[in-house]
């Protein structure tokens, strides 16, 4: 790939908001440092998921089987009670605070 092709690709990615170009001087020549605008995925979003420790997850649990994510009560309960942005999913902050006081 030529530098012209690379530059055009970078301009396109920047216009889509996927990267940010920062003009820098390196060894007496102007160039661009390219940085991603997306954050890498966090493992925090799946910490505590019951599937990680479920004995049936590896061999028996699959979409369309008798045991599947679509009909797993444990997974459903975890999703409904997991923390999302500091709040319990499906509840407002006021409901969460009231639940703690009771």
N, C-alpha and C. Protein backbone atom coordinates (compact mmCIF):
# COMPACT_ATOMS: atom_id res chain seq x y z
N UNK A 1 0.85 -1.16 0.00
CA UNK A 1 0.00 0.00 0.00
C UNK A 1 0.90 1.23 0.00
N UNK A 2 0.58 2.17 -0.83
CA UNK A 2 1.36 3.41 -0.88
C UNK A 2 0.92 4.35 0.24
N UNK A 3 1.74 5.34 0.52
CA UNK A 3 1.39 6.31 1.56
C UNK A 3 0.14 7.10 1.15
N UNK A 4 -0.04 7.30 -0.15
CA UNK A 4 -1.22 8.01 -0.63
C UNK A 4 -2.49 7.21 -0.32
N UNK A 5 -2.44 5.89 -0.58
CA UNK A 5 -3.59 5.04 -0.28
C UNK A 5 -3.87 5.02 1.22
N UNK A 6 -2.81 4.89 2.01
CA UNK A 6 -2.96 4.89 3.46
C UNK A 6 -3.55 6.19 3.97
N UNK A 7 -3.10 7.29 3.40
CA UNK A 7 -3.62 8.60 3.80
C UNK A 7 -5.10 8.74 3.46
N UNK A 8 -5.48 8.28 2.29
CA UNK A 8 -6.89 8.36 1.89
C UNK A 8 -7.78 7.50 2.78
N UNK A 9 -7.28 6.33 3.14
CA UNK A 9 -8.04 5.45 4.04
C UNK A 9 -8.20 6.13 5.40
N UNK A 10 -7.12 6.74 5.89
CA UNK A 10 -7.18 7.42 7.19
C UNK A 10 -8.15 8.59 7.17
N UNK A 11 -8.16 9.35 6.09
CA UNK A 11 -9.09 10.48 5.97
C UNK A 11 -10.53 9.96 6.01
N UNK A 12 -10.78 8.87 5.32
CA UNK A 12 -12.12 8.28 5.30
C UNK A 12 -12.52 7.79 6.70
N UNK A 13 -11.61 7.08 7.37
CA UNK A 13 -11.90 6.58 8.72
C UNK A 13 -12.13 7.74 9.69
N UNK A 14 -11.38 8.82 9.51
CA UNK A 14 -11.55 9.99 10.37
C UNK A 14 -12.91 10.64 10.11
N UNK A 15 -13.34 10.70 8.87
CA UNK A 15 -14.65 11.29 8.56
C UNK A 15 -15.79 10.46 9.14
N UNK A 16 -15.56 9.17 9.30
CA UNK A 16 -16.56 8.28 9.91
C UNK A 16 -16.51 8.33 11.43
N UNK A 17 -15.50 9.01 11.98
CA UNK A 17 -15.37 9.12 13.42
C UNK A 17 -14.72 7.92 14.08
N UNK A 18 -14.05 7.08 13.31
CA UNK A 18 -13.43 5.88 13.87
C UNK A 18 -12.01 6.12 14.38
N UNK A 19 -11.34 7.12 13.82
CA UNK A 19 -9.98 7.45 14.25
C UNK A 19 -9.84 8.95 14.41
N UNK A 20 -8.75 9.34 15.07
CA UNK A 20 -8.39 10.75 15.20
C UNK A 20 -6.94 10.87 14.76
N UNK A 21 -6.67 11.83 13.87
CA UNK A 21 -5.30 12.03 13.40
C UNK A 21 -4.70 13.23 14.12
N UNK A 22 -3.48 13.05 14.61
CA UNK A 22 -2.77 14.11 15.33
C UNK A 22 -1.47 14.40 14.57
N UNK A 23 -1.33 15.62 14.07
CA UNK A 23 -0.15 15.98 13.30
C UNK A 23 1.04 16.15 14.24
N UNK A 24 2.15 15.44 13.93
CA UNK A 24 3.36 15.51 14.76
C UNK A 24 4.59 15.63 13.87
N UNK A 25 5.68 16.15 14.44
CA UNK A 25 6.96 16.25 13.74
C UNK A 25 7.84 15.10 14.21
N UNK A 26 8.25 14.25 13.27
CA UNK A 26 9.06 13.08 13.60
C UNK A 26 10.27 13.04 12.67
N UNK A 27 11.46 13.12 13.25
CA UNK A 27 12.71 13.11 12.48
C UNK A 27 12.72 14.18 11.40
N UNK A 28 12.21 15.36 11.73
CA UNK A 28 12.22 16.48 10.80
C UNK A 28 11.14 16.43 9.72
N UNK A 29 10.23 15.48 9.80
CA UNK A 29 9.16 15.37 8.81
C UNK A 29 7.81 15.38 9.51
N UNK A 30 6.86 16.05 8.89
CA UNK A 30 5.51 16.06 9.44
C UNK A 30 4.80 14.76 9.08
N UNK A 31 4.16 14.20 10.06
CA UNK A 31 3.40 12.96 9.86
C UNK A 31 2.20 12.98 10.79
N UNK A 32 1.43 11.94 10.78
CA UNK A 32 0.26 11.87 11.64
C UNK A 32 0.34 10.67 12.57
N UNK A 33 -0.02 10.89 13.81
CA UNK A 33 -0.20 9.79 14.76
C UNK A 33 -1.70 9.48 14.73
N UNK A 34 -2.01 8.23 14.54
CA UNK A 34 -3.40 7.81 14.40
C UNK A 34 -3.84 7.11 15.68
N UNK A 35 -4.98 7.56 16.21
CA UNK A 35 -5.52 6.96 17.44
C UNK A 35 -6.97 6.56 17.20
N UNK A 36 -7.33 5.44 17.76
CA UNK A 36 -8.71 4.97 17.66
C UNK A 36 -9.60 5.82 18.56
N UNK A 37 -10.80 6.11 18.12
CA UNK A 37 -11.75 6.84 18.95
C UNK A 37 -12.62 5.90 19.76
N UNK A 38 -12.57 4.63 19.44
CA UNK A 38 -13.35 3.64 20.17
C UNK A 38 -12.54 3.09 21.33
N UNK A 39 -13.23 2.86 22.42
CA UNK A 39 -12.58 2.24 23.57
C UNK A 39 -12.63 0.72 23.40
N UNK A 40 -11.58 0.04 23.84
CA UNK A 40 -11.62 -1.42 23.74
C UNK A 40 -12.71 -1.98 24.65
N UNK A 41 -13.29 -3.10 24.28
CA UNK A 41 -14.34 -3.68 25.13
C UNK A 41 -13.80 -4.02 26.50
N UNK A 42 -14.67 -3.93 27.48
CA UNK A 42 -14.30 -4.20 28.86
C UNK A 42 -14.85 -5.54 29.30
N UNK A 43 -14.05 -6.27 30.04
CA UNK A 43 -14.52 -7.55 30.57
C UNK A 43 -15.53 -7.33 31.69
N UNK A 44 -15.59 -6.12 32.21
CA UNK A 44 -16.51 -5.81 33.30
C UNK A 44 -17.97 -6.05 32.94
N UNK A 45 -18.29 -6.00 31.67
CA UNK A 45 -19.68 -6.19 31.26
C UNK A 45 -20.16 -7.63 31.42
N UNK A 46 -19.24 -8.58 31.52
CA UNK A 46 -19.66 -9.98 31.67
C UNK A 46 -19.22 -10.60 32.99
N UNK A 47 -18.54 -9.81 33.83
CA UNK A 47 -18.12 -10.35 35.13
C UNK A 47 -19.35 -10.77 35.92
N UNK A 48 -19.31 -11.91 36.48
CA UNK A 48 -20.42 -12.40 37.28
C UNK A 48 -21.49 -13.11 36.48
N UNK A 49 -21.33 -13.19 35.17
CA UNK A 49 -22.32 -13.88 34.34
C UNK A 49 -22.37 -15.35 34.74
N UNK A 50 -23.55 -15.90 34.93
CA UNK A 50 -23.66 -17.28 35.38
C UNK A 50 -23.12 -18.29 34.36
N UNK A 51 -23.07 -17.93 33.12
CA UNK A 51 -22.60 -18.85 32.07
C UNK A 51 -21.14 -19.24 32.28
N UNK A 52 -20.36 -18.35 32.90
CA UNK A 52 -18.94 -18.60 33.09
C UNK A 52 -18.71 -19.81 34.00
N UNK A 53 -19.57 -19.97 35.00
CA UNK A 53 -19.39 -21.07 35.95
C UNK A 53 -20.44 -22.18 35.81
N UNK A 54 -21.31 -22.07 34.84
CA UNK A 54 -22.38 -23.05 34.66
C UNK A 54 -21.82 -24.37 34.13
N UNK A 55 -22.21 -25.45 34.78
CA UNK A 55 -21.73 -26.78 34.38
C UNK A 55 -22.31 -27.21 33.03
N UNK A 56 -23.45 -26.68 32.66
CA UNK A 56 -24.11 -27.10 31.42
C UNK A 56 -23.77 -26.19 30.24
N UNK A 57 -23.05 -25.12 30.48
CA UNK A 57 -22.78 -24.14 29.43
C UNK A 57 -21.93 -24.71 28.30
N UNK A 58 -20.98 -25.55 28.61
CA UNK A 58 -20.06 -26.04 27.59
C UNK A 58 -20.66 -27.03 26.61
N UNK A 59 -21.37 -28.02 27.12
CA UNK A 59 -21.79 -29.10 26.24
C UNK A 59 -23.28 -29.10 25.91
N UNK A 60 -24.11 -28.73 26.86
CA UNK A 60 -25.55 -28.88 26.66
C UNK A 60 -26.25 -27.58 26.27
N UNK A 61 -25.74 -26.46 26.73
CA UNK A 61 -26.42 -25.18 26.52
C UNK A 61 -26.10 -24.63 25.14
N UNK A 62 -27.12 -24.51 24.32
CA UNK A 62 -26.95 -23.94 22.99
C UNK A 62 -28.32 -23.50 22.49
N UNK A 63 -28.31 -22.52 21.63
CA UNK A 63 -29.56 -22.03 21.07
C UNK A 63 -30.29 -23.16 20.35
N UNK A 64 -31.56 -23.33 20.68
CA UNK A 64 -32.36 -24.38 20.07
C UNK A 64 -32.42 -25.66 20.89
N UNK A 65 -31.50 -25.84 21.84
CA UNK A 65 -31.52 -27.02 22.70
C UNK A 65 -32.53 -26.83 23.83
N UNK A 66 -32.76 -27.92 24.57
CA UNK A 66 -33.65 -27.84 25.73
C UNK A 66 -33.08 -26.85 26.75
N UNK A 67 -31.78 -26.90 26.95
CA UNK A 67 -31.10 -25.93 27.81
C UNK A 67 -30.44 -24.91 26.88
N UNK A 68 -30.90 -23.66 26.96
CA UNK A 68 -30.38 -22.63 26.07
C UNK A 68 -30.44 -21.27 26.75
N UNK A 69 -29.68 -20.31 26.25
CA UNK A 69 -29.74 -18.96 26.82
C UNK A 69 -31.15 -18.35 26.74
N UNK A 70 -31.92 -18.76 25.76
CA UNK A 70 -33.27 -18.21 25.59
C UNK A 70 -34.22 -18.61 26.72
N UNK A 71 -33.99 -19.76 27.35
CA UNK A 71 -34.90 -20.19 28.41
C UNK A 71 -34.17 -20.49 29.73
N UNK A 72 -33.07 -19.82 29.97
CA UNK A 72 -32.29 -20.03 31.19
C UNK A 72 -32.74 -19.04 32.27
N UNK A 73 -33.34 -19.56 33.33
CA UNK A 73 -33.82 -18.72 34.42
C UNK A 73 -32.67 -18.02 35.15
N UNK A 74 -31.55 -18.72 35.31
CA UNK A 74 -30.39 -18.15 36.00
C UNK A 74 -29.84 -16.96 35.22
N UNK A 75 -29.72 -17.10 33.92
CA UNK A 75 -29.22 -16.00 33.09
C UNK A 75 -30.20 -14.83 33.10
N UNK A 76 -31.48 -15.12 33.00
CA UNK A 76 -32.49 -14.06 33.02
C UNK A 76 -32.44 -13.28 34.34
N UNK A 77 -32.33 -13.99 35.45
CA UNK A 77 -32.25 -13.33 36.75
C UNK A 77 -31.00 -12.46 36.84
N UNK A 78 -29.87 -12.96 36.33
CA UNK A 78 -28.63 -12.18 36.37
C UNK A 78 -28.76 -10.90 35.53
N UNK A 79 -29.36 -11.02 34.35
CA UNK A 79 -29.53 -9.85 33.48
C UNK A 79 -30.42 -8.80 34.15
N UNK A 80 -31.49 -9.25 34.77
CA UNK A 80 -32.43 -8.32 35.38
C UNK A 80 -31.89 -7.67 36.65
N UNK A 81 -30.92 -8.28 37.29
CA UNK A 81 -30.39 -7.72 38.54
C UNK A 81 -28.97 -7.20 38.42
N UNK A 82 -28.38 -7.29 37.23
CA UNK A 82 -26.99 -6.83 37.09
C UNK A 82 -26.93 -5.31 37.09
N UNK A 83 -25.79 -4.79 37.47
CA UNK A 83 -25.57 -3.35 37.55
C UNK A 83 -25.32 -2.78 36.16
N UNK A 84 -26.03 -1.73 35.81
CA UNK A 84 -25.84 -1.03 34.54
C UNK A 84 -25.63 0.43 34.86
N UNK A 85 -24.41 0.92 34.72
CA UNK A 85 -24.13 2.33 35.00
C UNK A 85 -24.43 2.72 36.44
N UNK A 86 -24.22 1.79 37.37
CA UNK A 86 -24.44 2.09 38.78
C UNK A 86 -25.86 1.87 39.23
N UNK A 87 -26.75 1.48 38.34
CA UNK A 87 -28.14 1.22 38.70
C UNK A 87 -28.49 -0.22 38.37
N UNK A 88 -29.45 -0.75 39.08
CA UNK A 88 -29.93 -2.08 38.78
C UNK A 88 -30.76 -1.99 37.52
N UNK A 89 -30.53 -2.89 36.58
CA UNK A 89 -31.23 -2.85 35.30
C UNK A 89 -32.73 -2.90 35.52
N UNK A 90 -33.45 -2.04 34.81
CA UNK A 90 -34.91 -2.05 34.87
C UNK A 90 -35.48 -1.26 36.03
N UNK A 91 -34.66 -0.66 36.87
CA UNK A 91 -35.16 0.11 38.00
C UNK A 91 -34.55 1.50 37.96
N UNK A 92 -35.29 2.46 38.44
CA UNK A 92 -34.75 3.81 38.54
C UNK A 92 -33.91 3.92 39.79
N UNK A 93 -33.13 4.98 39.90
CA UNK A 93 -32.28 5.18 41.07
C UNK A 93 -33.13 5.29 42.33
N UNK A 94 -34.28 5.93 42.24
CA UNK A 94 -35.16 6.06 43.40
C UNK A 94 -35.64 4.69 43.88
N UNK A 95 -35.98 3.81 42.96
CA UNK A 95 -36.43 2.47 43.33
C UNK A 95 -35.30 1.69 44.00
N UNK A 96 -34.09 1.85 43.49
CA UNK A 96 -32.95 1.15 44.07
C UNK A 96 -32.70 1.66 45.48
N UNK A 97 -32.73 3.00 45.68
CA UNK A 97 -32.51 3.58 46.99
C UNK A 97 -33.59 3.14 47.97
N UNK A 98 -34.84 3.09 47.53
CA UNK A 98 -35.92 2.65 48.40
C UNK A 98 -35.74 1.21 48.81
N UNK A 99 -35.26 0.39 47.88
CA UNK A 99 -35.03 -1.01 48.17
C UNK A 99 -33.94 -1.21 49.21
N UNK A 100 -32.95 -0.33 49.23
CA UNK A 100 -31.86 -0.45 50.19
C UNK A 100 -32.30 -0.07 51.59
N UNK A 101 -33.23 0.90 51.69
CA UNK A 101 -33.68 1.36 52.99
C UNK A 101 -34.63 0.37 53.65
N UNK A 102 -35.35 -0.39 52.86
CA UNK A 102 -36.37 -1.29 53.41
C UNK A 102 -35.78 -2.48 54.10
